[in-house]
Amino acid sequence: MGIVKISDPLHESLRVASQALSRSINAQAEHWMRIGMLAELHPQLNHSELCQLLIRAEQEGGLDLARLAGWTQPAKAKGARA
């Protein structure tokens, strides 16, 4: 974990959004970073599709940005045939 310095106006936007969406400021910032990273990696997807991608990833055991980015191959399910 580290510290990321952001502008005061962006911090205020984070504060407002985090309160409106019942998230901590850090959780809101992390959400925006995930969406932004995925948007750069998958420019063909819209916001709704990116959110669905995040939900599917969570259902499959948690967000693995390296796998979602295509940097690694997905792990084979237990008992799956090659």
N, C-alpha and C. Protein backbone atom coordinates (compact mmCIF):
# COMPACT_ATOMS: atom_id res chain seq x y z
N MET A 1 0.85 -1.17 0.00
CA MET A 1 0.00 0.00 0.00
C MET A 1 0.89 1.22 0.00
N GLY A 2 0.45 2.24 -0.69
CA GLY A 2 1.23 3.45 -0.76
C GLY A 2 0.34 4.68 -0.72
N ILE A 3 0.96 5.80 -0.85
CA ILE A 3 0.25 7.07 -0.84
C ILE A 3 0.26 7.62 -2.25
N VAL A 4 -0.90 8.04 -2.71
CA VAL A 4 -1.03 8.67 -4.01
C VAL A 4 -1.46 10.11 -3.79
N LYS A 5 -0.71 11.04 -4.32
CA LYS A 5 -1.07 12.45 -4.18
C LYS A 5 -1.97 12.85 -5.34
N ILE A 6 -3.09 13.47 -5.00
CA ILE A 6 -4.03 13.94 -6.01
C ILE A 6 -4.36 15.39 -5.73
N SER A 7 -4.93 16.05 -6.72
CA SER A 7 -5.28 17.46 -6.56
C SER A 7 -6.43 17.62 -5.57
N ASP A 8 -6.54 18.80 -5.00
CA ASP A 8 -7.64 19.09 -4.08
C ASP A 8 -9.01 18.96 -4.75
N PRO A 9 -9.18 19.47 -5.99
CA PRO A 9 -10.50 19.30 -6.63
C PRO A 9 -10.87 17.83 -6.85
N LEU A 10 -9.91 17.00 -7.22
CA LEU A 10 -10.20 15.58 -7.40
C LEU A 10 -10.53 14.93 -6.07
N HIS A 11 -9.82 15.31 -5.01
CA HIS A 11 -10.12 14.78 -3.68
C HIS A 11 -11.53 15.15 -3.26
N GLU A 12 -11.95 16.37 -3.55
CA GLU A 12 -13.31 16.79 -3.22
C GLU A 12 -14.33 15.96 -4.01
N SER A 13 -14.05 15.69 -5.28
CA SER A 13 -14.94 14.85 -6.08
C SER A 13 -15.01 13.44 -5.50
N LEU A 14 -13.89 12.92 -5.04
CA LEU A 14 -13.86 11.61 -4.40
C LEU A 14 -14.71 11.60 -3.13
N ARG A 15 -14.58 12.67 -2.35
CA ARG A 15 -15.33 12.75 -1.10
C ARG A 15 -16.82 12.74 -1.38
N VAL A 16 -17.27 13.54 -2.34
CA VAL A 16 -18.69 13.62 -2.68
C VAL A 16 -19.19 12.28 -3.21
N ALA A 17 -18.46 11.70 -4.15
CA ALA A 17 -18.87 10.42 -4.73
C ALA A 17 -18.88 9.31 -3.68
N SER A 18 -17.89 9.31 -2.81
CA SER A 18 -17.83 8.24 -1.79
C SER A 18 -19.01 8.34 -0.83
N GLN A 19 -19.40 9.54 -0.47
CA GLN A 19 -20.56 9.69 0.41
C GLN A 19 -21.84 9.27 -0.31
N ALA A 20 -21.98 9.69 -1.55
CA ALA A 20 -23.19 9.37 -2.32
C ALA A 20 -23.33 7.87 -2.55
N LEU A 21 -22.21 7.16 -2.69
CA LEU A 21 -22.23 5.73 -3.01
C LEU A 21 -21.91 4.85 -1.81
N SER A 22 -21.88 5.45 -0.62
CA SER A 22 -21.64 4.72 0.64
C SER A 22 -20.35 3.92 0.62
N ARG A 23 -19.30 4.56 0.09
CA ARG A 23 -17.97 3.95 0.08
C ARG A 23 -17.02 4.86 0.84
N SER A 24 -15.92 4.29 1.30
CA SER A 24 -14.88 5.15 1.86
C SER A 24 -14.22 5.91 0.71
N ILE A 25 -13.51 6.96 1.03
CA ILE A 25 -12.80 7.72 0.00
C ILE A 25 -11.80 6.81 -0.71
N ASN A 26 -11.09 5.98 0.06
CA ASN A 26 -10.12 5.07 -0.55
C ASN A 26 -10.80 4.05 -1.45
N ALA A 27 -11.94 3.51 -1.01
CA ALA A 27 -12.66 2.53 -1.83
C ALA A 27 -13.15 3.17 -3.13
N GLN A 28 -13.61 4.42 -3.05
CA GLN A 28 -14.07 5.11 -4.26
C GLN A 28 -12.90 5.36 -5.21
N ALA A 29 -11.78 5.78 -4.68
CA ALA A 29 -10.60 6.01 -5.51
C ALA A 29 -10.16 4.71 -6.17
N GLU A 30 -10.15 3.62 -5.42
CA GLU A 30 -9.75 2.33 -5.98
C GLU A 30 -10.73 1.89 -7.07
N HIS A 31 -12.02 2.11 -6.86
CA HIS A 31 -13.01 1.76 -7.88
C HIS A 31 -12.74 2.54 -9.16
N TRP A 32 -12.54 3.84 -9.03
CA TRP A 32 -12.26 4.65 -10.22
C TRP A 32 -10.98 4.20 -10.91
N MET A 33 -9.96 3.83 -10.14
CA MET A 33 -8.71 3.36 -10.75
C MET A 33 -8.92 2.04 -11.48
N ARG A 34 -9.69 1.14 -10.90
CA ARG A 34 -9.98 -0.14 -11.57
C ARG A 34 -10.72 0.10 -12.88
N ILE A 35 -11.77 0.91 -12.82
CA ILE A 35 -12.55 1.20 -14.02
C ILE A 35 -11.66 1.87 -15.07
N GLY A 36 -10.85 2.81 -14.66
CA GLY A 36 -9.97 3.50 -15.59
C GLY A 36 -8.95 2.58 -16.22
N MET A 37 -8.35 1.71 -15.43
CA MET A 37 -7.36 0.77 -15.96
C MET A 37 -8.02 -0.19 -16.94
N LEU A 38 -9.18 -0.72 -16.56
CA LEU A 38 -9.88 -1.64 -17.45
C LEU A 38 -10.35 -0.93 -18.72
N ALA A 39 -10.74 0.34 -18.61
CA ALA A 39 -11.17 1.10 -19.80
C ALA A 39 -10.01 1.27 -20.77
N GLU A 40 -8.82 1.47 -20.25
CA GLU A 40 -7.65 1.59 -21.12
C GLU A 40 -7.29 0.25 -21.75
N LEU A 41 -7.46 -0.83 -21.00
CA LEU A 41 -7.12 -2.16 -21.51
C LEU A 41 -8.19 -2.71 -22.46
N HIS A 42 -9.42 -2.28 -22.27
CA HIS A 42 -10.55 -2.78 -23.06
C HIS A 42 -11.38 -1.59 -23.58
N PRO A 43 -10.84 -0.79 -24.48
CA PRO A 43 -11.55 0.42 -24.93
C PRO A 43 -12.86 0.13 -25.66
N GLN A 44 -13.06 -1.11 -26.08
CA GLN A 44 -14.29 -1.48 -26.78
C GLN A 44 -15.46 -1.65 -25.82
N LEU A 45 -15.20 -1.75 -24.51
CA LEU A 45 -16.26 -1.97 -23.52
C LEU A 45 -16.76 -0.64 -22.97
N ASN A 46 -18.07 -0.56 -22.72
CA ASN A 46 -18.60 0.65 -22.09
C ASN A 46 -18.58 0.47 -20.57
N HIS A 47 -18.99 1.49 -19.85
CA HIS A 47 -18.91 1.47 -18.39
C HIS A 47 -19.71 0.31 -17.81
N SER A 48 -20.90 0.08 -18.30
CA SER A 48 -21.73 -1.01 -17.81
C SER A 48 -21.03 -2.36 -18.01
N GLU A 49 -20.42 -2.55 -19.17
CA GLU A 49 -19.72 -3.80 -19.45
C GLU A 49 -18.49 -3.96 -18.55
N LEU A 50 -17.80 -2.86 -18.26
CA LEU A 50 -16.65 -2.92 -17.35
C LEU A 50 -17.10 -3.32 -15.95
N CYS A 51 -18.23 -2.77 -15.51
CA CYS A 51 -18.75 -3.14 -14.19
C CYS A 51 -19.15 -4.61 -14.16
N GLN A 52 -19.74 -5.10 -15.23
CA GLN A 52 -20.09 -6.52 -15.30
C GLN A 52 -18.83 -7.38 -15.25
N LEU A 53 -17.77 -6.92 -15.90
CA LEU A 53 -16.49 -7.63 -15.87
C LEU A 53 -15.96 -7.71 -14.44
N LEU A 54 -16.07 -6.61 -13.70
CA LEU A 54 -15.63 -6.60 -12.30
C LEU A 54 -16.47 -7.55 -11.45
N ILE A 55 -17.77 -7.58 -11.69
CA ILE A 55 -18.65 -8.46 -10.92
C ILE A 55 -18.33 -9.92 -11.21
N ARG A 56 -18.15 -10.26 -12.48
CA ARG A 56 -17.79 -11.64 -12.83
C ARG A 56 -16.46 -12.04 -12.20
N ALA A 57 -15.51 -11.12 -12.23
CA ALA A 57 -14.20 -11.40 -11.63
C ALA A 57 -14.36 -11.68 -10.13
N GLU A 58 -15.18 -10.92 -9.46
CA GLU A 58 -15.41 -11.12 -8.03
C GLU A 58 -16.06 -12.47 -7.78
N GLN A 59 -17.00 -12.86 -8.61
CA GLN A 59 -17.68 -14.15 -8.47
C GLN A 59 -16.72 -15.31 -8.70
N GLU A 60 -15.67 -15.07 -9.47
CA GLU A 60 -14.69 -16.11 -9.78
C GLU A 60 -13.52 -16.11 -8.81
N GLY A 61 -13.67 -15.44 -7.68
CA GLY A 61 -12.64 -15.50 -6.65
C GLY A 61 -11.90 -14.21 -6.39
N GLY A 62 -12.29 -13.15 -7.03
CA GLY A 62 -11.66 -11.87 -6.76
C GLY A 62 -11.00 -11.28 -8.00
N LEU A 63 -10.78 -10.01 -7.93
CA LEU A 63 -10.22 -9.28 -9.06
C LEU A 63 -8.75 -9.63 -9.23
N ASP A 64 -8.41 -10.13 -10.38
CA ASP A 64 -7.03 -10.41 -10.75
C ASP A 64 -6.75 -9.56 -11.99
N LEU A 65 -6.23 -8.35 -11.76
CA LEU A 65 -6.03 -7.42 -12.88
C LEU A 65 -5.10 -7.99 -13.95
N ALA A 66 -4.11 -8.77 -13.54
CA ALA A 66 -3.20 -9.36 -14.54
C ALA A 66 -3.96 -10.30 -15.46
N ARG A 67 -4.87 -11.10 -14.89
CA ARG A 67 -5.65 -12.02 -15.71
C ARG A 67 -6.65 -11.25 -16.58
N LEU A 68 -7.34 -10.26 -15.99
CA LEU A 68 -8.30 -9.47 -16.76
C LEU A 68 -7.62 -8.71 -17.89
N ALA A 69 -6.38 -8.32 -17.67
CA ALA A 69 -5.64 -7.59 -18.69
C ALA A 69 -5.09 -8.52 -19.77
N GLY A 70 -5.17 -9.83 -19.53
CA GLY A 70 -4.64 -10.78 -20.50
C GLY A 70 -3.16 -11.02 -20.35
N TRP A 71 -2.58 -10.61 -19.21
CA TRP A 71 -1.15 -10.80 -18.99
C TRP A 71 -0.83 -12.21 -18.56
N THR A 72 -1.84 -12.93 -18.00
CA THR A 72 -1.65 -14.31 -17.58
C THR A 72 -2.83 -15.13 -18.06
N GLN A 73 -2.65 -16.42 -18.08
CA GLN A 73 -3.73 -17.32 -18.47
C GLN A 73 -4.59 -17.63 -17.25
N PRO A 74 -5.90 -17.79 -17.42
CA PRO A 74 -6.74 -18.15 -16.27
C PRO A 74 -6.36 -19.52 -15.73
N ALA A 75 -6.50 -19.66 -14.43
CA ALA A 75 -6.21 -20.96 -13.79
C ALA A 75 -7.28 -21.94 -14.19
N LYS A 76 -6.89 -23.19 -14.40
CA LYS A 76 -7.85 -24.23 -14.76
C LYS A 76 -8.65 -24.60 -13.54
N ALA A 77 -9.93 -24.82 -13.73
CA ALA A 77 -10.80 -25.23 -12.63
C ALA A 77 -10.39 -26.63 -12.16
N LYS A 78 -10.58 -26.87 -10.88
CA LYS A 78 -10.26 -28.19 -10.32
C LYS A 78 -11.13 -29.23 -11.01
N GLY A 79 -10.52 -30.30 -11.42
CA GLY A 79 -11.24 -31.39 -12.05
C GLY A 79 -11.51 -31.17 -13.53
N ALA A 80 -11.07 -30.01 -14.07
CA ALA A 80 -11.28 -29.74 -15.49
C ALA A 80 -10.31 -30.54 -16.34
N ARG A 81 -10.77 -30.96 -17.48
CA ARG A 81 -9.91 -31.72 -18.39
C ARG A 81 -9.19 -30.78 -19.34
N ALA A 82 -7.97 -31.13 -19.69
CA ALA A 82 -7.17 -30.28 -20.57
C ALA A 82 -7.58 -30.40 -22.01
